[in-house]
Amino acid sequence: MQTKFDELLEFPCAFPFKVLGLKSDTLADRVVAVLQLHCPGDYTPSVKPSSKGTYVSVGVNCTVHSKQQIETLYTELAKLEGVKGVL
C-alpha cells in the first residue's frame, strides 16, 4: 500500500533514529548492535543525558533501503531493555 510516507522518501536514504531510555552505559552500544543486525554500517551515535540524568537519548543516522526496514528498526529498537520510546 502506497502512503504519503512512500512519496516523501526516496530509497536508499539517510534516516535519523532517536532512542529514549533509562540512563545506561550500554544503551548506545545496544542501539548500534540492533542497527548492525538489520542495516550494517559504520555508526557513531550521539548520546545526550536528560537534565536530571535519569534518561538518555541516543541519536544515530542510518541508511535505509525500504519502508519495511524502517518499521523493523523501530520495532526492534523499542524492544531493547530500558527503552521508553523511539522517534
Protein backbone atom coordinates (compact mmCIF):
# COMPACT_ATOMS: atom_id res chain seq x y z
CA MET A 1 0.00 0.00 0.00
CA GLN A 2 1.37 3.39 -1.02
CA THR A 3 1.26 6.12 1.62
CA LYS A 4 2.43 9.72 1.92
CA PHE A 5 5.46 8.21 3.64
CA ASP A 6 6.43 6.47 0.40
CA GLU A 7 6.09 9.71 -1.56
CA LEU A 8 8.32 11.64 0.83
CA LEU A 9 11.26 9.25 0.89
CA GLU A 10 13.40 8.02 -1.95
CA PHE A 11 15.33 4.88 -1.07
CA PRO A 12 18.07 4.35 -0.14
CA CYS A 13 18.21 7.38 2.15
CA ALA A 14 19.65 8.55 5.45
CA PHE A 15 17.09 8.20 8.22
CA PRO A 16 17.57 9.55 11.77
CA PHE A 17 16.59 7.43 14.75
CA LYS A 18 16.43 8.73 18.30
CA VAL A 19 16.08 6.22 21.10
CA LEU A 20 14.97 7.47 24.52
CA GLY A 21 15.66 5.29 27.50
CA LEU A 22 16.65 4.98 31.12
CA LYS A 23 20.22 6.05 31.83
CA SER A 24 22.53 3.20 30.90
CA ASP A 25 26.19 2.92 29.98
CA THR A 26 25.32 0.26 27.39
CA LEU A 27 22.26 1.73 25.64
CA ALA A 28 24.24 3.29 22.77
CA ASP A 29 26.08 0.00 22.17
CA ARG A 30 22.82 -1.96 22.19
CA VAL A 31 21.22 0.50 19.74
CA VAL A 32 24.19 0.13 17.37
CA ALA A 33 24.01 -3.67 17.71
CA VAL A 34 20.37 -3.65 16.54
CA LEU A 35 21.23 -1.35 13.63
CA GLN A 36 24.16 -3.59 12.62
CA LEU A 37 21.87 -6.62 12.62
CA HIS A 38 19.27 -5.06 10.29
CA CYS A 39 21.26 -2.37 8.48
CA PRO A 40 25.04 -2.95 8.67
CA GLY A 41 27.13 0.20 8.58
CA ASP A 42 29.56 2.47 10.40
CA TYR A 43 27.64 4.22 13.18
CA THR A 44 28.66 6.98 15.56
CA PRO A 45 25.77 7.54 17.95
CA SER A 46 25.32 10.82 19.80
CA VAL A 47 24.39 10.38 23.45
CA LYS A 48 22.68 13.13 25.41
CA PRO A 49 21.64 12.77 29.06
CA SER A 50 18.44 14.36 30.37
CA SER A 51 18.72 17.41 32.62
CA LYS A 52 18.24 15.30 35.76
CA GLY A 53 20.36 12.43 34.44
CA THR A 54 17.56 9.87 34.74
CA TYR A 55 17.20 9.32 31.00
CA VAL A 56 19.42 9.38 27.95
CA SER A 57 18.75 9.87 24.26
CA VAL A 58 20.79 8.08 21.63
CA GLY A 59 20.67 9.60 18.15
CA VAL A 60 22.02 7.87 15.09
CA ASN A 61 21.60 8.19 11.32
CA CYS A 62 21.12 5.01 9.32
CA THR A 63 20.97 4.42 5.57
CA VAL A 64 17.71 2.58 5.00
CA HIS A 65 16.55 0.80 1.86
CA SER A 66 12.81 0.37 2.39
CA LYS A 67 9.80 1.38 4.45
CA GLN A 68 9.73 -2.17 5.84
CA GLN A 69 13.31 -1.79 7.07
CA ILE A 70 12.36 1.42 8.90
CA GLU A 71 9.38 -0.29 10.54
CA THR A 72 11.54 -3.26 11.57
CA LEU A 73 14.15 -0.97 13.12
CA TYR A 74 11.50 0.96 15.10
CA THR A 75 10.06 -2.32 16.40
CA GLU A 76 13.41 -3.88 17.30
CA LEU A 77 14.83 -0.73 18.93
CA ALA A 78 11.67 -0.39 21.05
CA LYS A 79 12.23 -3.93 22.39
CA LEU A 80 15.58 -3.02 23.99
CA GLU A 81 15.61 -3.13 27.77
CA GLY A 82 15.05 0.29 29.35
CA VAL A 83 13.86 1.94 26.14
CA LYS A 84 10.89 4.28 26.68
CA GLY A 85 10.43 5.40 23.08
CA VAL A 86 11.87 5.56 19.57
CA LEU A 87 11.49 8.65 17.42
